[in-house]
Amino acid sequence: PSGGVSPSYLRPHWNVGGFYAFDGNSLAPFVDGLDPSEMRFSPTNAMALHDDTLFAGFKYPARIKFHDGVRWVNYTDSLPYSRIAYDVPPVLRTEPTAIAFAGARMFVATQSMGVLEWQRSTEWVQRSSGLIRGGIPGVESDDLFQPVVFLESIHGKLVAAYGRPGYGPWGGFGVFTLDLGE
């Protein structure tokens, strides 16, 4: 960064490609470590700083990466798909919509599975109980939820929120909390 200014990070409109750092003067591509599908479909809105490290969610494949100061590196295994993902056309891909940290715990909001928690010992765990159920006409599944557009960890609680239109022209509105037992 020029002049000691911390850069701002941004992603362009969907399907434009890439990821950029803005140093106060110019935009610079910030793409080393991204594969062609991650470049083509851009990161999602899911971005978070944790311990001075930038994390971002990507849709194809659905995963979380972090920037190690030089390049993007996979942080987790790919996000799981709903049990009915392949039963509907097109495939219902899980897309991260927000990232939040509670200490070392990472939570990821999604557009179809509610909230997931990454645990290295067990991998992804769904933390969606109590959230607004989602659905696809003619398809029954107990793991579909409305898109969560806001996720934050505050005072030992995980806050998940919805808004209209928020993430798209569907969905409910409201704020839900999960006690993290901290």
N, C-alpha and C. Protein backbone atom coordinates (compact mmCIF):
# COMPACT_ATOMS: atom_id res chain seq x y z
N PRO A 1 0.82 -1.20 0.00
CA PRO A 1 0.00 0.00 0.00
C PRO A 1 0.86 1.25 0.00
N SER A 2 0.43 2.23 -0.75
CA SER A 2 1.19 3.47 -0.83
C SER A 2 0.95 4.33 0.41
N GLY A 3 1.99 4.93 0.90
CA GLY A 3 1.87 5.87 2.01
C GLY A 3 1.39 5.24 3.30
N GLY A 4 1.52 3.93 3.47
CA GLY A 4 1.09 3.28 4.69
C GLY A 4 -0.41 3.19 4.86
N VAL A 5 -1.18 3.46 3.81
CA VAL A 5 -2.63 3.38 3.88
C VAL A 5 -3.05 1.92 3.74
N SER A 6 -3.92 1.46 4.63
CA SER A 6 -4.43 0.10 4.51
C SER A 6 -5.34 0.01 3.29
N PRO A 7 -5.18 -1.02 2.49
CA PRO A 7 -6.02 -1.12 1.29
C PRO A 7 -7.45 -1.52 1.63
N SER A 8 -8.33 -1.20 0.71
CA SER A 8 -9.71 -1.68 0.75
C SER A 8 -9.81 -2.79 -0.28
N TYR A 9 -10.63 -3.78 0.01
CA TYR A 9 -10.76 -4.91 -0.90
C TYR A 9 -12.17 -4.93 -1.47
N LEU A 10 -12.28 -5.25 -2.73
CA LEU A 10 -13.60 -5.31 -3.35
C LEU A 10 -13.63 -6.33 -4.45
N ARG A 11 -14.84 -6.73 -4.74
CA ARG A 11 -15.06 -7.65 -5.84
C ARG A 11 -16.02 -6.95 -6.80
N PRO A 12 -15.85 -7.22 -8.09
CA PRO A 12 -16.72 -6.58 -9.07
C PRO A 12 -18.08 -7.25 -9.12
N HIS A 13 -18.94 -6.72 -9.95
CA HIS A 13 -20.25 -7.31 -10.20
C HIS A 13 -20.08 -8.76 -10.63
N TRP A 14 -21.03 -9.62 -10.27
CA TRP A 14 -20.99 -11.03 -10.61
C TRP A 14 -20.69 -11.24 -12.08
N ASN A 15 -19.87 -12.21 -12.38
CA ASN A 15 -19.49 -12.65 -13.72
C ASN A 15 -18.53 -11.69 -14.42
N VAL A 16 -18.03 -10.67 -13.72
CA VAL A 16 -17.01 -9.80 -14.30
C VAL A 16 -15.64 -10.40 -14.05
N GLY A 17 -15.46 -10.97 -12.90
CA GLY A 17 -14.23 -11.69 -12.58
C GLY A 17 -13.26 -10.92 -11.72
N GLY A 18 -12.54 -11.68 -10.90
CA GLY A 18 -11.45 -11.13 -10.14
C GLY A 18 -11.79 -10.65 -8.74
N PHE A 19 -10.82 -10.00 -8.18
CA PHE A 19 -10.87 -9.45 -6.84
C PHE A 19 -9.84 -8.33 -6.86
N TYR A 20 -10.11 -7.21 -6.19
CA TYR A 20 -9.24 -6.05 -6.31
C TYR A 20 -8.91 -5.45 -4.96
N ALA A 21 -7.73 -4.83 -4.89
CA ALA A 21 -7.31 -4.05 -3.74
C ALA A 21 -7.23 -2.60 -4.19
N PHE A 22 -7.75 -1.69 -3.38
CA PHE A 22 -7.68 -0.26 -3.67
C PHE A 22 -6.82 0.39 -2.60
N ASP A 23 -5.72 1.03 -3.03
CA ASP A 23 -4.77 1.62 -2.08
C ASP A 23 -4.96 3.11 -1.85
N GLY A 24 -6.07 3.65 -2.32
CA GLY A 24 -6.31 5.08 -2.20
C GLY A 24 -6.02 5.82 -3.48
N ASN A 25 -5.27 5.18 -4.38
CA ASN A 25 -4.92 5.79 -5.65
C ASN A 25 -5.39 4.97 -6.84
N SER A 26 -5.26 3.67 -6.75
CA SER A 26 -5.60 2.83 -7.90
C SER A 26 -6.08 1.45 -7.45
N LEU A 27 -6.77 0.79 -8.39
CA LEU A 27 -7.21 -0.59 -8.19
C LEU A 27 -6.15 -1.53 -8.74
N ALA A 28 -5.87 -2.58 -8.00
CA ALA A 28 -4.91 -3.58 -8.46
C ALA A 28 -5.55 -4.96 -8.35
N PRO A 29 -5.42 -5.79 -9.39
CA PRO A 29 -5.95 -7.15 -9.29
C PRO A 29 -5.33 -7.87 -8.10
N PHE A 30 -6.14 -8.67 -7.46
CA PHE A 30 -5.76 -9.35 -6.23
C PHE A 30 -6.19 -10.80 -6.42
N VAL A 31 -5.57 -11.50 -7.39
CA VAL A 31 -6.13 -12.76 -7.88
C VAL A 31 -5.21 -13.97 -7.82
N ASP A 32 -3.97 -13.81 -7.41
CA ASP A 32 -3.07 -14.95 -7.38
C ASP A 32 -3.64 -16.02 -6.44
N GLY A 33 -3.76 -17.24 -6.94
CA GLY A 33 -4.31 -18.34 -6.15
C GLY A 33 -5.76 -18.64 -6.45
N LEU A 34 -6.40 -17.83 -7.31
CA LEU A 34 -7.78 -18.11 -7.70
C LEU A 34 -7.79 -18.96 -8.96
N ASP A 35 -8.66 -19.96 -9.01
CA ASP A 35 -8.76 -20.78 -10.21
C ASP A 35 -9.69 -20.10 -11.23
N PRO A 36 -9.74 -20.60 -12.46
CA PRO A 36 -10.55 -19.93 -13.49
C PRO A 36 -12.03 -19.75 -13.13
N SER A 37 -12.63 -20.73 -12.45
CA SER A 37 -14.05 -20.58 -12.08
C SER A 37 -14.21 -19.50 -11.00
N GLU A 38 -13.27 -19.41 -10.08
CA GLU A 38 -13.33 -18.36 -9.05
C GLU A 38 -13.10 -16.99 -9.68
N MET A 39 -12.28 -16.93 -10.69
CA MET A 39 -12.06 -15.68 -11.41
C MET A 39 -13.31 -15.28 -12.20
N ARG A 40 -13.90 -16.24 -12.89
CA ARG A 40 -15.04 -15.94 -13.76
C ARG A 40 -16.26 -15.49 -12.98
N PHE A 41 -16.57 -16.20 -11.90
CA PHE A 41 -17.81 -15.92 -11.18
C PHE A 41 -17.64 -14.99 -10.00
N SER A 42 -16.43 -14.51 -9.76
CA SER A 42 -16.16 -13.54 -8.71
C SER A 42 -16.46 -14.09 -7.32
N PRO A 43 -15.85 -13.48 -6.32
CA PRO A 43 -16.22 -13.86 -4.97
C PRO A 43 -17.66 -13.41 -4.67
N THR A 44 -18.24 -14.00 -3.69
CA THR A 44 -19.57 -13.58 -3.26
C THR A 44 -19.44 -12.37 -2.37
N ASN A 45 -20.54 -11.93 -1.78
CA ASN A 45 -20.49 -10.80 -0.86
C ASN A 45 -19.84 -11.18 0.46
N ALA A 46 -19.58 -12.46 0.67
CA ALA A 46 -19.01 -12.92 1.93
C ALA A 46 -17.53 -12.55 2.02
N MET A 47 -17.24 -11.53 2.82
CA MET A 47 -15.86 -11.13 3.08
C MET A 47 -15.77 -10.75 4.55
N ALA A 48 -14.64 -11.08 5.17
CA ALA A 48 -14.44 -10.72 6.57
C ALA A 48 -12.96 -10.60 6.86
N LEU A 49 -12.62 -9.70 7.76
CA LEU A 49 -11.27 -9.61 8.29
C LEU A 49 -11.27 -10.29 9.65
N HIS A 50 -10.29 -11.16 9.87
CA HIS A 50 -10.15 -11.83 11.16
C HIS A 50 -8.67 -11.92 11.46
N ASP A 51 -8.26 -11.38 12.61
CA ASP A 51 -6.84 -11.35 12.99
C ASP A 51 -5.98 -10.81 11.85
N ASP A 52 -6.40 -9.71 11.24
CA ASP A 52 -5.68 -9.05 10.15
C ASP A 52 -5.53 -9.91 8.90
N THR A 53 -6.38 -10.90 8.75
CA THR A 53 -6.37 -11.74 7.55
C THR A 53 -7.70 -11.59 6.83
N LEU A 54 -7.65 -11.42 5.51
CA LEU A 54 -8.85 -11.28 4.70
C LEU A 54 -9.36 -12.66 4.31
N PHE A 55 -10.63 -12.92 4.58
CA PHE A 55 -11.31 -14.15 4.18
C PHE A 55 -12.38 -13.77 3.16
N ALA A 56 -12.64 -14.66 2.20
CA ALA A 56 -13.69 -14.41 1.21
C ALA A 56 -14.34 -15.73 0.82
N GLY A 57 -15.63 -15.64 0.50
CA GLY A 57 -16.38 -16.80 0.05
C GLY A 57 -16.46 -16.81 -1.46
N PHE A 58 -16.39 -17.98 -2.05
CA PHE A 58 -16.47 -18.15 -3.49
C PHE A 58 -17.57 -19.14 -3.81
N LYS A 59 -18.22 -18.96 -4.96
CA LYS A 59 -19.39 -19.77 -5.30
C LYS A 59 -19.06 -21.04 -6.08
N TYR A 60 -18.15 -21.00 -7.00
CA TYR A 60 -17.85 -22.16 -7.85
C TYR A 60 -16.40 -22.56 -7.72
N PRO A 61 -16.02 -23.55 -6.96
CA PRO A 61 -16.86 -24.28 -6.02
C PRO A 61 -17.07 -23.44 -4.76
N ALA A 62 -18.10 -23.78 -4.03
CA ALA A 62 -18.45 -23.04 -2.81
C ALA A 62 -17.41 -23.34 -1.74
N ARG A 63 -16.57 -22.33 -1.47
CA ARG A 63 -15.55 -22.52 -0.45
C ARG A 63 -15.11 -21.17 0.09
N ILE A 64 -14.36 -21.24 1.18
CA ILE A 64 -13.81 -20.06 1.81
C ILE A 64 -12.30 -20.09 1.60
N LYS A 65 -11.76 -18.94 1.22
CA LYS A 65 -10.32 -18.80 1.05
C LYS A 65 -9.85 -17.63 1.92
N PHE A 66 -8.56 -17.61 2.21
CA PHE A 66 -7.97 -16.46 2.89
C PHE A 66 -6.77 -16.01 2.08
N HIS A 67 -6.41 -14.74 2.26
CA HIS A 67 -5.24 -14.22 1.56
C HIS A 67 -4.07 -14.21 2.53
N ASP A 68 -2.99 -14.91 2.17
CA ASP A 68 -1.85 -15.05 3.08
C ASP A 68 -0.82 -13.93 2.92
N GLY A 69 -1.19 -12.87 2.21
CA GLY A 69 -0.27 -11.77 1.97
C GLY A 69 0.36 -11.84 0.59
N VAL A 70 0.29 -13.03 -0.03
CA VAL A 70 0.84 -13.22 -1.36
C VAL A 70 -0.23 -13.75 -2.32
N ARG A 71 -1.00 -14.72 -1.84
CA ARG A 71 -1.97 -15.39 -2.71
C ARG A 71 -3.17 -15.87 -1.91
N TRP A 72 -4.25 -16.22 -2.61
CA TRP A 72 -5.44 -16.82 -2.01
C TRP A 72 -5.18 -18.29 -1.75
N VAL A 73 -5.57 -18.76 -0.55
CA VAL A 73 -5.34 -20.13 -0.12
C VAL A 73 -6.67 -20.70 0.41
N ASN A 74 -6.98 -21.95 0.09
CA ASN A 74 -8.18 -22.59 0.63
C ASN A 74 -8.08 -22.67 2.15
N TYR A 75 -9.13 -22.23 2.83
CA TYR A 75 -9.18 -22.32 4.28
C TYR A 75 -9.93 -23.56 4.72
N THR A 76 -10.96 -23.92 3.98
CA THR A 76 -11.83 -25.03 4.35
C THR A 76 -12.03 -25.96 3.16
N ASP A 77 -12.65 -27.07 3.45
CA ASP A 77 -13.17 -27.93 2.42
C ASP A 77 -14.36 -27.20 1.79
N SER A 78 -14.80 -27.63 0.63
CA SER A 78 -15.96 -27.01 -0.02
C SER A 78 -17.18 -27.06 0.89
N LEU A 79 -18.03 -26.02 0.81
CA LEU A 79 -19.27 -26.01 1.57
C LEU A 79 -20.17 -27.13 1.06
N PRO A 80 -20.92 -27.77 1.94
CA PRO A 80 -21.80 -28.86 1.51
C PRO A 80 -22.99 -28.33 0.71
N TYR A 81 -23.55 -29.19 -0.09
CA TYR A 81 -24.79 -28.89 -0.81
C TYR A 81 -25.95 -29.50 -0.03
N SER A 82 -27.12 -28.94 -0.23
CA SER A 82 -28.34 -29.52 0.33
C SER A 82 -28.49 -30.95 -0.18
N ARG A 83 -29.21 -31.76 0.59
CA ARG A 83 -29.45 -33.15 0.17
C ARG A 83 -30.21 -33.22 -1.15
N ILE A 84 -30.97 -32.19 -1.50
CA ILE A 84 -31.75 -32.21 -2.74
C ILE A 84 -31.08 -31.42 -3.86
N ALA A 85 -29.86 -30.99 -3.67
CA ALA A 85 -29.18 -30.12 -4.63
C ALA A 85 -29.21 -30.65 -6.06
N TYR A 86 -29.05 -31.95 -6.22
CA TYR A 86 -28.99 -32.53 -7.56
C TYR A 86 -30.35 -32.99 -8.06
N ASP A 87 -31.39 -32.82 -7.23
CA ASP A 87 -32.74 -33.22 -7.63
C ASP A 87 -33.48 -32.12 -8.39
N VAL A 88 -32.90 -30.93 -8.44
CA VAL A 88 -33.56 -29.79 -9.09
C VAL A 88 -32.63 -29.21 -10.16
N PRO A 89 -33.22 -28.80 -11.28
CA PRO A 89 -32.39 -28.12 -12.29
C PRO A 89 -32.50 -26.61 -12.14
N PRO A 90 -31.46 -25.85 -12.25
CA PRO A 90 -30.08 -26.31 -12.23
C PRO A 90 -29.69 -26.75 -10.82
N VAL A 91 -28.53 -27.36 -10.70
CA VAL A 91 -28.06 -27.83 -9.40
C VAL A 91 -28.09 -26.66 -8.41
N LEU A 92 -28.63 -26.91 -7.23
CA LEU A 92 -28.71 -25.89 -6.18
C LEU A 92 -27.36 -25.80 -5.47
N ARG A 93 -26.52 -24.94 -5.96
CA ARG A 93 -25.17 -24.77 -5.40
C ARG A 93 -25.26 -23.91 -4.13
N THR A 94 -24.54 -24.28 -3.11
CA THR A 94 -24.50 -23.50 -1.88
C THR A 94 -23.59 -22.30 -2.12
N GLU A 95 -24.11 -21.12 -1.84
CA GLU A 95 -23.32 -19.91 -2.03
C GLU A 95 -23.15 -19.20 -0.70
N PRO A 96 -21.91 -18.92 -0.28
CA PRO A 96 -21.71 -18.16 0.95
C PRO A 96 -22.16 -16.71 0.76
N THR A 97 -22.88 -16.18 1.74
CA THR A 97 -23.38 -14.80 1.66
C THR A 97 -22.77 -13.89 2.71
N ALA A 98 -22.22 -14.44 3.78
CA ALA A 98 -21.57 -13.64 4.82
C ALA A 98 -20.67 -14.56 5.65
N ILE A 99 -19.66 -13.98 6.26
CA ILE A 99 -18.73 -14.72 7.12
C ILE A 99 -18.63 -13.98 8.45
N ALA A 100 -18.64 -14.72 9.56
CA ALA A 100 -18.44 -14.11 10.88
C ALA A 100 -17.56 -15.03 11.72
N PHE A 101 -16.79 -14.44 12.59
CA PHE A 101 -15.94 -15.20 13.50
C PHE A 101 -16.35 -14.91 14.94
N ALA A 102 -16.29 -15.95 15.76
CA ALA A 102 -16.46 -15.83 17.21
C ALA A 102 -15.22 -16.49 17.79
N GLY A 103 -14.22 -15.69 18.12
CA GLY A 103 -12.93 -16.26 18.51
C GLY A 103 -12.36 -17.01 17.32
N ALA A 104 -12.00 -18.27 17.53
CA ALA A 104 -11.45 -19.09 16.44
C ALA A 104 -12.54 -19.77 15.61
N ARG A 105 -13.79 -19.65 16.03
CA ARG A 105 -14.89 -20.32 15.31
C ARG A 105 -15.33 -19.48 14.11
N MET A 106 -15.46 -20.14 12.95
CA MET A 106 -15.90 -19.46 11.75
C MET A 106 -17.30 -19.93 11.38
N PHE A 107 -18.19 -18.95 11.11
CA PHE A 107 -19.55 -19.22 10.69
C PHE A 107 -19.75 -18.62 9.30
N VAL A 108 -20.51 -19.32 8.46
CA VAL A 108 -20.77 -18.86 7.10
C VAL A 108 -22.27 -18.89 6.85
N ALA A 109 -22.83 -17.73 6.50
CA ALA A 109 -24.24 -17.67 6.08
C ALA A 109 -24.30 -18.08 4.61
N THR A 110 -25.43 -18.67 4.22
CA THR A 110 -25.57 -19.13 2.84
C THR A 110 -26.91 -18.70 2.25
N GLN A 111 -27.04 -18.90 0.96
CA GLN A 111 -28.28 -18.53 0.29
C GLN A 111 -29.29 -19.67 0.33
N SER A 112 -28.92 -20.86 0.80
CA SER A 112 -29.89 -21.97 0.79
C SER A 112 -29.85 -22.88 2.01
N MET A 113 -28.77 -22.89 2.77
CA MET A 113 -28.65 -23.82 3.89
C MET A 113 -28.59 -23.14 5.25
N GLY A 114 -28.96 -21.86 5.31
CA GLY A 114 -28.92 -21.16 6.58
C GLY A 114 -27.50 -20.81 6.96
N VAL A 115 -27.06 -21.25 8.14
CA VAL A 115 -25.73 -20.94 8.65
C VAL A 115 -24.97 -22.24 8.87
N LEU A 116 -23.71 -22.25 8.45
CA LEU A 116 -22.82 -23.39 8.64
C LEU A 116 -21.65 -22.96 9.51
N GLU A 117 -21.16 -23.89 10.34
CA GLU A 117 -19.97 -23.62 11.14
C GLU A 117 -18.87 -24.57 10.69
N TRP A 118 -17.67 -24.03 10.51
CA TRP A 118 -16.53 -24.86 10.15
C TRP A 118 -15.85 -25.33 11.42
N GLN A 119 -15.71 -26.63 11.55
CA GLN A 119 -14.99 -27.22 12.68
C GLN A 119 -13.99 -28.20 12.10
N ARG A 120 -12.73 -27.95 12.34
CA ARG A 120 -11.69 -28.79 11.74
C ARG A 120 -11.86 -30.26 12.11
N SER A 121 -12.39 -30.53 13.29
CA SER A 121 -12.52 -31.93 13.72
C SER A 121 -13.71 -32.63 13.05
N THR A 122 -14.76 -31.87 12.71
CA THR A 122 -15.95 -32.51 12.13
C THR A 122 -16.33 -31.92 10.78
N GLU A 123 -15.60 -30.92 10.33
CA GLU A 123 -15.87 -30.18 9.10
C GLU A 123 -17.13 -29.34 9.25
N TRP A 124 -17.99 -29.26 8.24
CA TRP A 124 -19.13 -28.34 8.29
C TRP A 124 -20.27 -28.88 9.14
N VAL A 125 -20.82 -28.02 10.00
CA VAL A 125 -21.97 -28.36 10.83
C VAL A 125 -23.03 -27.30 10.57
N GLN A 126 -24.26 -27.73 10.27
CA GLN A 126 -25.34 -26.79 10.01
C GLN A 126 -25.86 -26.23 11.34
N ARG A 127 -25.95 -24.91 11.44
CA ARG A 127 -26.41 -24.20 12.65
C ARG A 127 -27.65 -23.38 12.30
N SER A 128 -28.64 -24.01 11.69
CA SER A 128 -29.78 -23.29 11.13
C SER A 128 -31.08 -23.45 11.89
N SER A 129 -31.06 -24.21 12.98
CA SER A 129 -32.28 -24.43 13.75
C SER A 129 -32.87 -23.09 14.19
N GLY A 130 -34.15 -22.88 13.90
CA GLY A 130 -34.83 -21.65 14.27
C GLY A 130 -34.86 -20.60 13.17
N LEU A 131 -34.06 -20.77 12.12
CA LEU A 131 -34.07 -19.82 11.02
C LEU A 131 -35.30 -20.06 10.13
N ILE A 132 -35.59 -19.13 9.24
CA ILE A 132 -36.76 -19.24 8.35
C ILE A 132 -36.52 -20.32 7.30
N ARG A 133 -37.42 -21.28 7.28
CA ARG A 133 -37.32 -22.37 6.30
C ARG A 133 -37.47 -21.84 4.89
N GLY A 134 -36.78 -22.48 3.98
CA GLY A 134 -36.90 -22.16 2.56
C GLY A 134 -37.47 -23.36 1.85
N GLY A 135 -37.68 -23.21 0.58
CA GLY A 135 -38.22 -24.35 -0.14
C GLY A 135 -38.23 -24.12 -1.63
N ILE A 136 -38.41 -25.22 -2.31
CA ILE A 136 -38.53 -25.23 -3.76
C ILE A 136 -39.86 -25.92 -4.05
N PRO A 137 -40.74 -25.29 -4.84
CA PRO A 137 -42.04 -25.91 -5.13
C PRO A 137 -41.89 -27.35 -5.61
N GLY A 138 -42.65 -28.24 -4.97
CA GLY A 138 -42.64 -29.65 -5.34
C GLY A 138 -41.50 -30.45 -4.78
N VAL A 139 -40.64 -29.84 -3.98
CA VAL A 139 -39.49 -30.54 -3.40
C VAL A 139 -39.54 -30.38 -1.89
N GLU A 140 -39.40 -31.49 -1.18
CA GLU A 140 -39.37 -31.43 0.28
C GLU A 140 -37.97 -31.67 0.78
N SER A 141 -37.51 -30.81 1.68
CA SER A 141 -36.20 -30.96 2.29
C SER A 141 -36.19 -30.20 3.60
N ASP A 142 -35.58 -30.80 4.62
CA ASP A 142 -35.52 -30.14 5.91
C ASP A 142 -34.23 -29.35 6.10
N ASP A 143 -33.39 -29.28 5.04
CA ASP A 143 -32.15 -28.51 5.19
C ASP A 143 -32.09 -27.27 4.29
N LEU A 144 -33.26 -26.82 3.79
CA LEU A 144 -33.31 -25.59 3.00
C LEU A 144 -33.83 -24.44 3.85
N PHE A 145 -33.14 -23.30 3.75
CA PHE A 145 -33.50 -22.12 4.52
C PHE A 145 -33.45 -20.89 3.63
N GLN A 146 -34.17 -19.85 4.05
CA GLN A 146 -34.14 -18.58 3.32
C GLN A 146 -32.71 -18.03 3.33
N PRO A 147 -32.33 -17.25 2.33
CA PRO A 147 -30.98 -16.67 2.30
C PRO A 147 -30.73 -15.74 3.49
N VAL A 148 -29.64 -15.98 4.19
CA VAL A 148 -29.23 -15.13 5.30
C VAL A 148 -28.29 -14.07 4.72
N VAL A 149 -28.62 -12.79 4.91
CA VAL A 149 -27.84 -11.73 4.29
C VAL A 149 -26.89 -11.01 5.24
N PHE A 150 -27.08 -11.21 6.55
CA PHE A 150 -26.25 -10.54 7.54
C PHE A 150 -25.87 -11.56 8.60
N LEU A 151 -24.61 -11.58 8.97
CA LEU A 151 -24.13 -12.50 10.00
C LEU A 151 -23.05 -11.79 10.80
N GLU A 152 -23.21 -11.78 12.12
CA GLU A 152 -22.25 -11.08 12.97
C GLU A 152 -22.20 -11.78 14.32
N SER A 153 -21.03 -11.78 14.93
CA SER A 153 -20.85 -12.32 16.27
C SER A 153 -20.74 -11.14 17.23
N ILE A 154 -21.67 -11.08 18.20
CA ILE A 154 -21.70 -9.95 19.13
C ILE A 154 -21.99 -10.47 20.54
N HIS A 155 -21.12 -10.18 21.47
CA HIS A 155 -21.32 -10.50 22.89
C HIS A 155 -21.76 -11.96 23.11
N GLY A 156 -21.05 -12.90 22.53
CA GLY A 156 -21.33 -14.31 22.75
C GLY A 156 -22.54 -14.84 22.00
N LYS A 157 -23.08 -14.05 21.08
CA LYS A 157 -24.22 -14.50 20.27
C LYS A 157 -23.89 -14.34 18.80
N LEU A 158 -24.39 -15.26 18.01
CA LEU A 158 -24.30 -15.16 16.56
C LEU A 158 -25.63 -14.57 16.10
N VAL A 159 -25.57 -13.47 15.35
CA VAL A 159 -26.76 -12.79 14.88
C VAL A 159 -26.89 -13.03 13.38
N ALA A 160 -28.01 -13.64 12.98
CA ALA A 160 -28.32 -13.87 11.56
C ALA A 160 -29.55 -13.05 11.24
N ALA A 161 -29.49 -12.32 10.13
CA ALA A 161 -30.61 -11.44 9.80
C ALA A 161 -30.99 -11.55 8.32
N TYR A 162 -32.25 -11.25 8.08
CA TYR A 162 -32.84 -11.25 6.75
C TYR A 162 -33.36 -9.86 6.46
N GLY A 163 -33.54 -9.55 5.20
CA GLY A 163 -34.15 -8.29 4.82
C GLY A 163 -34.69 -8.38 3.41
N ARG A 164 -35.72 -7.62 3.12
CA ARG A 164 -36.29 -7.64 1.78
C ARG A 164 -35.87 -6.40 1.03
N PRO A 165 -35.45 -6.46 -0.21
CA PRO A 165 -35.20 -7.70 -0.91
C PRO A 165 -33.90 -8.34 -0.50
N GLY A 166 -33.02 -7.60 0.18
CA GLY A 166 -31.80 -8.20 0.71
C GLY A 166 -30.96 -8.87 -0.35
N TYR A 167 -30.97 -10.17 -0.36
CA TYR A 167 -30.13 -10.95 -1.26
C TYR A 167 -30.81 -11.19 -2.59
N GLY A 168 -32.09 -11.11 -2.63
CA GLY A 168 -32.85 -11.34 -3.85
C GLY A 168 -34.29 -10.98 -3.61
N PRO A 169 -35.14 -11.16 -4.60
CA PRO A 169 -36.54 -10.76 -4.46
C PRO A 169 -37.38 -11.74 -3.65
N TRP A 170 -36.74 -12.63 -2.93
CA TRP A 170 -37.44 -13.61 -2.11
C TRP A 170 -36.97 -13.44 -0.67
N GLY A 171 -37.56 -14.19 0.19
CA GLY A 171 -37.06 -14.25 1.56
C GLY A 171 -37.89 -13.46 2.54
N GLY A 172 -37.68 -13.79 3.77
CA GLY A 172 -38.39 -13.13 4.85
C GLY A 172 -37.57 -12.00 5.41
N PHE A 173 -37.97 -11.55 6.58
CA PHE A 173 -37.20 -10.53 7.25
C PHE A 173 -37.26 -10.82 8.73
N GLY A 174 -36.22 -10.42 9.41
CA GLY A 174 -36.14 -10.65 10.84
C GLY A 174 -34.71 -10.85 11.28
N VAL A 175 -34.52 -10.92 12.60
CA VAL A 175 -33.22 -11.11 13.20
C VAL A 175 -33.32 -12.29 14.15
N PHE A 176 -32.36 -13.19 14.06
CA PHE A 176 -32.32 -14.38 14.88
C PHE A 176 -30.98 -14.46 15.57
N THR A 177 -30.92 -15.00 16.77
CA THR A 177 -29.67 -15.14 17.49
C THR A 177 -29.45 -16.59 17.91
N LEU A 178 -28.17 -16.94 18.01
CA LEU A 178 -27.75 -18.24 18.50
C LEU A 178 -26.75 -18.00 19.60
N ASP A 179 -27.05 -18.50 20.82
CA ASP A 179 -26.14 -18.37 21.94
C ASP A 179 -24.93 -19.27 21.69
N LEU A 180 -23.75 -18.69 21.69
CA LEU A 180 -22.53 -19.44 21.40
C LEU A 180 -21.89 -20.05 22.64
N GLY A 181 -22.50 -19.81 23.79
CA GLY A 181 -22.01 -20.43 25.02
C GLY A 181 -20.62 -19.96 25.42
N GLU A 182 -20.30 -18.74 25.11
CA GLU A 182 -18.95 -18.23 25.46
C GLU A 182 -18.98 -17.52 26.79
